[in-house]
Amino acid sequence: MIRLKLNELMEERGLNPRQISNMTGIRWNTVSDMAENKSKAWSPENLNKIMMALELTDLSQLIEYEKEQQG
């Protein structure tokens, strides 16, 4: 499963969805859904805005792959 590490990044930096929204211009509830991995899809534009706002240099700082466990 591919997931965003946005929640962890916000916690590390003491930020909340509204602050990320102000930094990026992305609606705060969209940021919140992304942070909680509730979004079904992420636009490349929004990912780029978050990367720039948080000064990330590698996509792996924002996105990770977790192997799904077979149940």
PDB file of N, CA and C in Angstrom:
ATOM      1  N   MET A   1       0.837  -1.165   0.000  1.00  0.00           N
ATOM      2  CA  MET A   1       0.000   0.000   0.000  1.00  0.00           C
ATOM      3  C   MET A   1       0.893   1.242   0.000  1.00  0.00           C
ATOM      4  N   ILE A   2       0.584   2.177  -0.856  1.00  0.00           N
ATOM      5  CA  ILE A   2       1.325   3.427  -0.911  1.00  0.00           C
ATOM      6  C   ILE A   2       0.628   4.431  -0.005  1.00  0.00           C
ATOM      7  N   ARG A   3       1.407   5.105   0.833  1.00  0.00           N
ATOM      8  CA  ARG A   3       0.813   6.063   1.762  1.00  0.00           C
ATOM      9  C   ARG A   3       1.693   7.291   1.889  1.00  0.00           C
ATOM     10  N   LEU A   4       1.053   8.382   2.278  1.00  0.00           N
ATOM     11  CA  LEU A   4       1.778   9.613   2.540  1.00  0.00           C
ATOM     12  C   LEU A   4       2.278   9.630   3.979  1.00  0.00           C
ATOM     13  N   LYS A   5       3.436  10.219   4.171  1.00  0.00           N
ATOM     14  CA  LYS A   5       3.992  10.386   5.510  1.00  0.00           C
ATOM     15  C   LYS A   5       3.774  11.819   6.002  1.00  0.00           C
ATOM     16  N   LEU A   6       2.750  12.470   5.462  1.00  0.00           N
ATOM     17  CA  LEU A   6       2.507  13.869   5.775  1.00  0.00           C
ATOM     18  C   LEU A   6       2.212  14.087   7.247  1.00  0.00           C
ATOM     19  N   ASN A   7       1.439  13.219   7.861  1.00  0.00           N
ATOM     20  CA  ASN A   7       1.112  13.370   9.281  1.00  0.00           C
ATOM     21  C   ASN A   7       2.389  13.367  10.122  1.00  0.00           C
ATOM     22  N   GLU A   8       3.295  12.438   9.845  1.00  0.00           N
ATOM     23  CA  GLU A   8       4.542  12.360  10.585  1.00  0.00           C
ATOM     24  C   GLU A   8       5.385  13.613  10.366  1.00  0.00           C
ATOM     25  N   LEU A   9       5.427  14.093   9.125  1.00  0.00           N
ATOM     26  CA  LEU A   9       6.194  15.300   8.816  1.00  0.00           C
ATOM     27  C   LEU A   9       5.627  16.517   9.544  1.00  0.00           C
ATOM     28  N   MET A  10       4.303  16.609   9.608  1.00  0.00           N
ATOM     29  CA  MET A  10       3.684  17.735  10.312  1.00  0.00           C
ATOM     30  C   MET A  10       4.002  17.668  11.806  1.00  0.00           C
ATOM     31  N   GLU A  11       3.929  16.469  12.379  1.00  0.00           N
ATOM     32  CA  GLU A  11       4.237  16.318  13.803  1.00  0.00           C
ATOM     33  C   GLU A  11       5.680  16.710  14.097  1.00  0.00           C
ATOM     34  N   GLU A  12       6.612  16.254  13.259  1.00  0.00           N
ATOM     35  CA  GLU A  12       8.031  16.572  13.448  1.00  0.00           C
ATOM     36  C   GLU A  12       8.282  18.072  13.432  1.00  0.00           C
ATOM     37  N   ARG A  13       7.513  18.792  12.623  1.00  0.00           N
ATOM     38  CA  ARG A  13       7.741  20.221  12.429  1.00  0.00           C
ATOM     39  C   ARG A  13       6.783  21.103  13.220  1.00  0.00           C
ATOM     40  N   GLY A  14       5.893  20.471  13.989  1.00  0.00           N
ATOM     41  CA  GLY A  14       4.943  21.235  14.787  1.00  0.00           C
ATOM     42  C   GLY A  14       3.921  21.992  13.943  1.00  0.00           C
ATOM     43  N   LEU A  15       3.506  21.387  12.842  1.00  0.00           N
ATOM     44  CA  LEU A  15       2.551  22.020  11.939  1.00  0.00           C
ATOM     45  C   LEU A  15       1.216  21.298  11.969  1.00  0.00           C
ATOM     46  N   ASN A  16       0.161  21.991  11.561  1.00  0.00           N
ATOM     47  CA  ASN A  16      -1.154  21.376  11.448  1.00  0.00           C
ATOM     48  C   ASN A  16      -1.670  21.590  10.024  1.00  0.00           C
ATOM     49  N   PRO A  17      -2.780  20.933   9.657  1.00  0.00           N
ATOM     50  CA  PRO A  17      -3.289  21.058   8.284  1.00  0.00           C
ATOM     51  C   PRO A  17      -3.565  22.502   7.841  1.00  0.00           C
ATOM     52  N   ARG A  18      -4.044  23.338   8.746  1.00  0.00           N
ATOM     53  CA  ARG A  18      -4.317  24.731   8.371  1.00  0.00           C
ATOM     54  C   ARG A  18      -3.024  25.467   8.024  1.00  0.00           C
ATOM     55  N   GLN A  19      -1.963  25.194   8.764  1.00  0.00           N
ATOM     56  CA  GLN A  19      -0.688  25.844   8.463  1.00  0.00           C
ATOM     57  C   GLN A  19      -0.136  25.363   7.123  1.00  0.00           C
ATOM     58  N   ILE A  20      -0.230  24.062   6.860  1.00  0.00           N
ATOM     59  CA  ILE A  20       0.205  23.534   5.562  1.00  0.00           C
ATOM     60  C   ILE A  20      -0.645  24.148   4.456  1.00  0.00           C
ATOM     61  N   SER A  21      -1.936  24.301   4.704  1.00  0.00           N
ATOM     62  CA  SER A  21      -2.830  24.920   3.741  1.00  0.00           C
ATOM     63  C   SER A  21      -2.385  26.346   3.421  1.00  0.00           C
ATOM     64  N   ASN A  22      -2.055  27.103   4.444  1.00  0.00           N
ATOM     65  CA  ASN A  22      -1.596  28.479   4.235  1.00  0.00           C
ATOM     66  C   ASN A  22      -0.273  28.513   3.472  1.00  0.00           C
ATOM     67  N   MET A  23       0.576  27.532   3.693  1.00  0.00           N
ATOM     68  CA  MET A  23       1.881  27.483   3.038  1.00  0.00           C
ATOM     69  C   MET A  23       1.762  27.081   1.564  1.00  0.00           C
ATOM     70  N   THR A  24       0.740  26.293   1.238  1.00  0.00           N
ATOM     71  CA  THR A  24       0.653  25.687  -0.092  1.00  0.00           C
ATOM     72  C   THR A  24      -0.495  26.194  -0.955  1.00  0.00           C
ATOM     73  N   GLY A  25      -1.537  26.732  -0.326  1.00  0.00           N
ATOM     74  CA  GLY A  25      -2.730  27.118  -1.076  1.00  0.00           C
ATOM     75  C   GLY A  25      -3.685  25.957  -1.306  1.00  0.00           C
ATOM     76  N   ILE A  26      -3.386  24.802  -0.714  1.00  0.00           N
ATOM     77  CA  ILE A  26      -4.271  23.632  -0.805  1.00  0.00           C
ATOM     78  C   ILE A  26      -5.328  23.767   0.297  1.00  0.00           C
ATOM     79  N   ARG A  27      -6.578  23.457  -0.008  1.00  0.00           N
ATOM     80  CA  ARG A  27      -7.632  23.543   1.004  1.00  0.00           C
ATOM     81  C   ARG A  27      -7.229  22.729   2.236  1.00  0.00           C
ATOM     82  N   TRP A  28      -7.504  23.271   3.435  1.00  0.00           N
ATOM     83  CA  TRP A  28      -7.039  22.614   4.663  1.00  0.00           C
ATOM     84  C   TRP A  28      -7.651  21.233   4.843  1.00  0.00           C
ATOM     85  N   ASN A  29      -8.927  21.056   4.424  1.00  0.00           N
ATOM     86  CA  ASN A  29      -9.539  19.731   4.602  1.00  0.00           C
ATOM     87  C   ASN A  29      -8.936  18.719   3.632  1.00  0.00           C
ATOM     88  N   THR A  30      -8.445  19.184   2.488  1.00  0.00           N
ATOM     89  CA  THR A  30      -7.724  18.296   1.572  1.00  0.00           C
ATOM     90  C   THR A  30      -6.406  17.880   2.206  1.00  0.00           C
ATOM     91  N   VAL A  31      -5.716  18.833   2.816  1.00  0.00           N
ATOM     92  CA  VAL A  31      -4.458  18.530   3.516  1.00  0.00           C
ATOM     93  C   VAL A  31      -4.723  17.532   4.630  1.00  0.00           C
ATOM     94  N   SER A  32      -5.782  17.746   5.379  1.00  0.00           N
ATOM     95  CA  SER A  32      -6.129  16.848   6.479  1.00  0.00           C
ATOM     96  C   SER A  32      -6.395  15.432   5.965  1.00  0.00           C
ATOM     97  N   ASP A  33      -7.164  15.311   4.881  1.00  0.00           N
ATOM     98  CA  ASP A  33      -7.438  13.990   4.297  1.00  0.00           C
ATOM     99  C   ASP A  33      -6.148  13.331   3.812  1.00  0.00           C
ATOM    100  N   MET A  34      -5.263  14.128   3.226  1.00  0.00           N
ATOM    101  CA  MET A  34      -3.979  13.582   2.765  1.00  0.00           C
ATOM    102  C   MET A  34      -3.152  13.099   3.957  1.00  0.00           C
ATOM    103  N   ALA A  35      -3.122  13.881   5.026  1.00  0.00           N
ATOM    104  CA  ALA A  35      -2.332  13.527   6.211  1.00  0.00           C
ATOM    105  C   ALA A  35      -2.844  12.243   6.858  1.00  0.00           C
ATOM    106  N   GLU A  36      -4.160  12.050   6.822  1.00  0.00           N
ATOM    107  CA  GLU A  36      -4.767  10.861   7.430  1.00  0.00           C
ATOM    108  C   GLU A  36      -4.881   9.706   6.447  1.00  0.00           C
ATOM    109  N   ASN A  37      -4.321   9.891   5.246  1.00  0.00           N
ATOM    110  CA  ASN A  37      -4.367   8.880   4.185  1.00  0.00           C
ATOM    111  C   ASN A  37      -5.785   8.449   3.859  1.00  0.00           C
ATOM    112  N   LYS A  38      -6.702   9.417   3.855  1.00  0.00           N
ATOM    113  CA  LYS A  38      -8.086   9.165   3.466  1.00  0.00           C
ATOM    114  C   LYS A  38      -8.306   9.462   1.989  1.00  0.00           C
ATOM    115  N   SER A  39      -7.386  10.224   1.376  1.00  0.00           N
ATOM    116  CA  SER A  39      -7.510  10.583  -0.041  1.00  0.00           C
ATOM    117  C   SER A  39      -7.301   9.359  -0.910  1.00  0.00           C
ATOM    118  N   LYS A  40      -8.121   9.241  -1.937  1.00  0.00           N
ATOM    119  CA  LYS A  40      -7.989   8.129  -2.883  1.00  0.00           C
ATOM    120  C   LYS A  40      -6.928   8.423  -3.942  1.00  0.00           C
ATOM    121  N   ALA A  41      -6.690   9.704  -4.187  1.00  0.00           N
ATOM    122  CA  ALA A  41      -5.700  10.097  -5.200  1.00  0.00           C
ATOM    123  C   ALA A  41      -5.069  11.416  -4.777  1.00  0.00           C
ATOM    124  N   TRP A  42      -3.815  11.599  -5.162  1.00  0.00           N
ATOM    125  CA  TRP A  42      -3.103  12.836  -4.869  1.00  0.00           C
ATOM    126  C   TRP A  42      -2.681  13.448  -6.188  1.00  0.00           C
ATOM    127  N   SER A  43      -2.977  14.712  -6.358  1.00  0.00           N
ATOM    128  CA  SER A  43      -2.565  15.353  -7.603  1.00  0.00           C
ATOM    129  C   SER A  43      -1.067  15.645  -7.540  1.00  0.00           C
ATOM    130  N   PRO A  44      -0.384  15.477  -8.660  1.00  0.00           N
ATOM    131  CA  PRO A  44       1.038  15.816  -8.698  1.00  0.00           C
ATOM    132  C   PRO A  44       1.276  17.275  -8.299  1.00  0.00           C
ATOM    133  N   GLU A  45       0.356  18.153  -8.651  1.00  0.00           N
ATOM    134  CA  GLU A  45       0.484  19.567  -8.301  1.00  0.00           C
ATOM    135  C   GLU A  45       0.501  19.753  -6.781  1.00  0.00           C
ATOM    136  N   ASN A  46      -0.427  19.080  -6.075  1.00  0.00           N
ATOM    137  CA  ASN A  46      -0.471  19.197  -4.616  1.00  0.00           C
ATOM    138  C   ASN A  46       0.761  18.568  -3.969  1.00  0.00           C
ATOM    139  N   LEU A  47       1.189  17.440  -4.478  1.00  0.00           N
ATOM    140  CA  LEU A  47       2.399  16.809  -3.933  1.00  0.00           C
ATOM    141  C   LEU A  47       3.593  17.736  -4.110  1.00  0.00           C
ATOM    142  N   ASN A  48       3.685  18.377  -5.259  1.00  0.00           N
ATOM    143  CA  ASN A  48       4.784  19.297  -5.518  1.00  0.00           C
ATOM    144  C   ASN A  48       4.731  20.489  -4.564  1.00  0.00           C
ATOM    145  N   LYS A  49       3.551  21.034  -4.332  1.00  0.00           N
ATOM    146  CA  LYS A  49       3.403  22.165  -3.410  1.00  0.00           C
ATOM    147  C   LYS A  49       3.852  21.782  -1.997  1.00  0.00           C
ATOM    148  N   ILE A  50       3.490  20.585  -1.563  1.00  0.00           N
ATOM    149  CA  ILE A  50       3.885  20.129  -0.224  1.00  0.00           C
ATOM    150  C   ILE A  50       5.385  19.921  -0.161  1.00  0.00           C
ATOM    151  N   MET A  51       5.944  19.310  -1.200  1.00  0.00           N
ATOM    152  CA  MET A  51       7.398  19.102  -1.262  1.00  0.00           C
ATOM    153  C   MET A  51       8.134  20.439  -1.135  1.00  0.00           C
ATOM    154  N   MET A  52       7.674  21.435  -1.877  1.00  0.00           N
ATOM    155  CA  MET A  52       8.326  22.744  -1.852  1.00  0.00           C
ATOM    156  C   MET A  52       8.149  23.429  -0.497  1.00  0.00           C
ATOM    157  N   ALA A  53       6.938  23.398   0.054  1.00  0.00           N
ATOM    158  CA  ALA A  53       6.659  24.068   1.319  1.00  0.00           C
ATOM    159  C   ALA A  53       7.466  23.469   2.470  1.00  0.00           C
ATOM    160  N   LEU A  54       7.622  22.150   2.464  1.00  0.00           N
ATOM    161  CA  LEU A  54       8.353  21.478   3.542  1.00  0.00           C
ATOM    162  C   LEU A  54       9.834  21.304   3.222  1.00  0.00           C
ATOM    163  N   GLU A  55      10.242  21.851   2.069  1.00  0.00           N
ATOM    164  CA  GLU A  55      11.638  21.800   1.630  1.00  0.00           C
ATOM    165  C   GLU A  55      12.174  20.368   1.586  1.00  0.00           C
ATOM    166  N   LEU A  56      11.357  19.472   1.027  1.00  0.00           N
ATOM    167  CA  LEU A  56      11.765  18.084   0.868  1.00  0.00           C
ATOM    168  C   LEU A  56      12.528  17.955  -0.446  1.00  0.00           C
ATOM    169  N   THR A  57      13.522  17.086  -0.462  1.00  0.00           N
ATOM    170  CA  THR A  57      14.356  16.943  -1.652  1.00  0.00           C
ATOM    171  C   THR A  57      14.170  15.604  -2.356  1.00  0.00           C
ATOM    172  N   ASP A  58      13.477  14.686  -1.719  1.00  0.00           N
ATOM    173  CA  ASP A  58      13.285  13.351  -2.286  1.00  0.00           C
ATOM    174  C   ASP A  58      11.852  12.913  -2.024  1.00  0.00           C
ATOM    175  N   LEU A  59      11.209  12.380  -3.040  1.00  0.00           N
ATOM    176  CA  LEU A  59       9.814  11.957  -2.909  1.00  0.00           C
ATOM    177  C   LEU A  59       9.624  10.919  -1.805  1.00  0.00           C
ATOM    178  N   SER A  60      10.661  10.129  -1.529  1.00  0.00           N
ATOM    179  CA  SER A  60      10.549   9.110  -0.474  1.00  0.00           C
ATOM    180  C   SER A  60      10.419   9.739   0.915  1.00  0.00           C
ATOM    181  N   GLN A  61      10.684  11.026   1.040  1.00  0.00           N
ATOM    182  CA  GLN A  61      10.470  11.707   2.313  1.00  0.00           C
ATOM    183  C   GLN A  61       8.979  11.932   2.560  1.00  0.00           C
ATOM    184  N   LEU A  62       8.190  11.889   1.497  1.00  0.00           N
ATOM    185  CA  LEU A  62       6.759  12.164   1.591  1.00  0.00           C
ATOM    186  C   LEU A  62       5.893  10.924   1.382  1.00  0.00           C
ATOM    187  N   ILE A  63       6.347  10.006   0.540  1.00  0.00           N
ATOM    188  CA  ILE A  63       5.554   8.829   0.182  1.00  0.00           C
ATOM    189  C   ILE A  63       6.335   7.567   0.519  1.00  0.00           C
ATOM    190  N   GLU A  64       5.613   6.563   1.037  1.00  0.00           N
ATOM    191  CA  GLU A  64       6.265   5.283   1.310  1.00  0.00           C
ATOM    192  C   GLU A  64       5.371   4.136   0.862  1.00  0.00           C
ATOM    193  N   TYR A  65       6.001   2.999   0.655  1.00  0.00           N
ATOM    194  CA  TYR A  65       5.288   1.793   0.289  1.00  0.00           C
ATOM    195  C   TYR A  65       5.338   0.830   1.457  1.00  0.00           C
ATOM    196  N   GLU A  66       4.171   0.370   1.885  1.00  0.00           N
ATOM    197  CA  GLU A  66       4.067  -0.658   2.929  1.00  0.00           C
ATOM    198  C   GLU A  66       3.443  -1.886   2.307  1.00  0.00           C
ATOM    199  N   LYS A  67       4.115  -3.001   2.417  1.00  0.00           N
ATOM    200  CA  LYS A  67       3.579  -4.242   1.867  1.00  0.00           C
ATOM    201  C   LYS A  67       2.332  -4.618   2.670  1.00  0.00           C
ATOM    202  N   GLU A  68       1.269  -4.901   1.936  1.00  0.00           N
ATOM    203  CA  GLU A  68       0.023  -5.294   2.609  1.00  0.00           C
ATOM    204  C   GLU A  68       0.154  -6.720   3.109  1.00  0.00           C
ATOM    205  N   GLN A  69      -0.323  -6.914   4.346  1.00  0.00           N
ATOM    206  CA  GLN A  69      -0.258  -8.255   4.924  1.00  0.00           C
ATOM    207  C   GLN A  69      -1.432  -9.069   4.416  1.00  0.00           C
ATOM    208  N   GLN A  70      -1.137 -10.306   4.079  1.00  0.00           N
ATOM    209  CA  GLN A  70      -2.180 -11.214   3.622  1.00  0.00           C
ATOM    210  C   GLN A  70      -2.969 -11.699   4.825  1.00  0.00           C
ATOM    211  N   GLY A  71      -4.269 -11.559   4.770  1.00  0.00           N
ATOM    212  CA  GLY A  71      -5.099 -11.908   5.906  1.00  0.00           C
ATOM    213  C   GLY A  71      -5.730 -13.191   5.725  1.00  0.00           C
TER     214      GLY A  71
END
